[in-house]
């Protein structure tokens, strides 16, 4: 998202997860996803594009797995699938 919202910083050896989203209604939905994911231990960056319904998530696979990231998005009321 925006650098001033960013709480974590990328680490070497991280992975990137690209997701197709559904259920977004506005840009606030995208911000909600990014802030929620960036609060998770192991997620270093989340960038969600409302217009394209896509999200790119950088994470440390030693601390969190992709299924946990997808589950967190689903808990927010959106649907996510890996690309």
C-alpha atoms as a PDB file:
ATOM      1  CA  UNK A   1       0.000   0.000   0.000  1.00  0.00           C
ATOM      2  CA  UNK A   2       1.457   3.373   0.972  1.00  0.00           C
ATOM      3  CA  UNK A   3       4.853   3.494   2.650  1.00  0.00           C
ATOM      4  CA  UNK A   4       3.547   5.555   5.573  1.00  0.00           C
ATOM      5  CA  UNK A   5       1.109   2.730   6.464  1.00  0.00           C
ATOM      6  CA  UNK A   6       3.811   0.105   6.249  1.00  0.00           C
ATOM      7  CA  UNK A   7       4.650  -1.603   9.521  1.00  0.00           C
ATOM      8  CA  UNK A   8       7.074  -4.277   8.332  1.00  0.00           C
ATOM      9  CA  UNK A   9       9.915  -4.297   5.870  1.00  0.00           C
ATOM     10  CA  UNK A  10      10.878  -6.982   3.362  1.00  0.00           C
ATOM     11  CA  UNK A  11      13.470  -9.521   4.396  1.00  0.00           C
ATOM     12  CA  UNK A  12      15.764 -11.619   2.265  1.00  0.00           C
ATOM     13  CA  UNK A  13      14.301 -14.957   1.245  1.00  0.00           C
ATOM     14  CA  UNK A  14      10.708 -13.808   1.263  1.00  0.00           C
ATOM     15  CA  UNK A  15       8.019 -15.015  -1.101  1.00  0.00           C
ATOM     16  CA  UNK A  16       5.358 -13.174  -3.054  1.00  0.00           C
ATOM     17  CA  UNK A  17       1.756 -14.318  -3.239  1.00  0.00           C
ATOM     18  CA  UNK A  18      -0.472 -12.942  -6.018  1.00  0.00           C
ATOM     19  CA  UNK A  19      -4.192 -13.135  -5.349  1.00  0.00           C
ATOM     20  CA  UNK A  20      -7.415 -12.567  -7.279  1.00  0.00           C
ATOM     21  CA  UNK A  21     -10.037 -11.055  -4.983  1.00  0.00           C
ATOM     22  CA  UNK A  22     -13.806 -10.788  -5.048  1.00  0.00           C
ATOM     23  CA  UNK A  23     -16.225  -8.941  -2.821  1.00  0.00           C
ATOM     24  CA  UNK A  24     -14.431  -5.586  -2.788  1.00  0.00           C
ATOM     25  CA  UNK A  25     -16.840  -2.642  -2.866  1.00  0.00           C
ATOM     26  CA  UNK A  26     -14.516   0.358  -2.662  1.00  0.00           C
ATOM     27  CA  UNK A  27     -10.935   1.477  -2.109  1.00  0.00           C
ATOM     28  CA  UNK A  28     -11.477   1.291   1.654  1.00  0.00           C
ATOM     29  CA  UNK A  29     -11.872  -2.479   1.231  1.00  0.00           C
ATOM     30  CA  UNK A  30      -8.400  -2.616  -0.336  1.00  0.00           C
ATOM     31  CA  UNK A  31      -6.920  -0.547   2.499  1.00  0.00           C
ATOM     32  CA  UNK A  32      -8.655  -2.792   5.045  1.00  0.00           C
ATOM     33  CA  UNK A  33      -7.052  -5.887   3.485  1.00  0.00           C
ATOM     34  CA  UNK A  34      -3.600  -4.306   3.379  1.00  0.00           C
ATOM     35  CA  UNK A  35      -3.657  -3.075   6.969  1.00  0.00           C
ATOM     36  CA  UNK A  36      -5.003  -6.386   8.263  1.00  0.00           C
ATOM     37  CA  UNK A  37      -2.408  -8.455   6.415  1.00  0.00           C
ATOM     38  CA  UNK A  38       0.474  -6.185   7.388  1.00  0.00           C
ATOM     39  CA  UNK A  39      -0.465  -6.738  11.049  1.00  0.00           C
ATOM     40  CA  UNK A  40       0.214 -10.471  10.641  1.00  0.00           C
ATOM     41  CA  UNK A  41       3.578 -11.775  11.796  1.00  0.00           C
ATOM     42  CA  UNK A  42       5.535 -12.736   8.699  1.00  0.00           C
ATOM     43  CA  UNK A  43       3.776 -10.453   6.211  1.00  0.00           C
ATOM     44  CA  UNK A  44       6.202  -7.771   5.078  1.00  0.00           C
ATOM     45  CA  UNK A  45       4.071  -5.944   2.514  1.00  0.00           C
ATOM     46  CA  UNK A  46       0.590  -6.033   1.036  1.00  0.00           C
ATOM     47  CA  UNK A  47      -0.507  -4.072  -2.012  1.00  0.00           C
ATOM     48  CA  UNK A  48      -4.147  -4.392  -3.038  1.00  0.00           C
ATOM     49  CA  UNK A  49      -5.571  -2.833  -6.192  1.00  0.00           C
ATOM     50  CA  UNK A  50      -9.325  -2.247  -5.866  1.00  0.00           C
ATOM     51  CA  UNK A  51      -9.928  -1.542  -9.574  1.00  0.00           C
ATOM     52  CA  UNK A  52      -8.271  -4.789 -10.665  1.00  0.00           C
ATOM     53  CA  UNK A  53      -9.309  -6.858  -7.628  1.00  0.00           C
ATOM     54  CA  UNK A  54      -5.733  -8.051  -7.217  1.00  0.00           C
ATOM     55  CA  UNK A  55      -3.440  -8.249  -4.236  1.00  0.00           C
ATOM     56  CA  UNK A  56       0.308  -8.872  -4.026  1.00  0.00           C
ATOM     57  CA  UNK A  57       1.538 -10.018  -0.631  1.00  0.00           C
ATOM     58  CA  UNK A  58       5.192 -10.379   0.357  1.00  0.00           C
ATOM     59  CA  UNK A  59       5.791 -12.722   3.274  1.00  0.00           C
ATOM     60  CA  UNK A  60       8.321 -14.823   5.132  1.00  0.00           C
ATOM     61  CA  UNK A  61       7.323 -18.494   4.629  1.00  0.00           C
ATOM     62  CA  UNK A  62       9.151 -19.413   7.851  1.00  0.00           C
ATOM     63  CA  UNK A  63       6.629 -17.360   9.819  1.00  0.00           C
ATOM     64  CA  UNK A  64       3.356 -17.650   7.864  1.00  0.00           C
ATOM     65  CA  UNK A  65       2.024 -19.674   4.962  1.00  0.00           C
ATOM     66  CA  UNK A  66      -0.110 -18.631   2.010  1.00  0.00           C
ATOM     67  CA  UNK A  67      -3.194 -20.472   3.294  1.00  0.00           C
ATOM     68  CA  UNK A  68      -3.162 -18.411   6.503  1.00  0.00           C
ATOM     69  CA  UNK A  69      -2.997 -15.207   4.436  1.00  0.00           C
ATOM     70  CA  UNK A  70      -5.946 -16.309   2.296  1.00  0.00           C
ATOM     71  CA  UNK A  71      -7.892 -17.332   5.423  1.00  0.00           C
ATOM     72  CA  UNK A  72      -7.393 -13.859   6.938  1.00  0.00           C
ATOM     73  CA  UNK A  73      -8.797 -12.218   3.802  1.00  0.00           C
ATOM     74  CA  UNK A  74     -11.777 -14.596   3.895  1.00  0.00           C
ATOM     75  CA  UNK A  75     -12.395 -13.677   7.564  1.00  0.00           C
ATOM     76  CA  UNK A  76     -12.789 -10.060   6.447  1.00  0.00           C
ATOM     77  CA  UNK A  77     -15.656 -11.104   4.152  1.00  0.00           C
ATOM     78  CA  UNK A  78     -13.778 -11.169   0.852  1.00  0.00           C
ATOM     79  CA  UNK A  79     -12.777 -14.138  -1.272  1.00  0.00           C
ATOM     80  CA  UNK A  80      -9.209 -14.698  -2.378  1.00  0.00           C
ATOM     81  CA  UNK A  81      -7.630 -17.255  -4.669  1.00  0.00           C
ATOM     82  CA  UNK A  82      -4.005 -17.704  -5.586  1.00  0.00           C
ATOM     83  CA  UNK A  83      -2.987 -16.864  -9.154  1.00  0.00           C
END
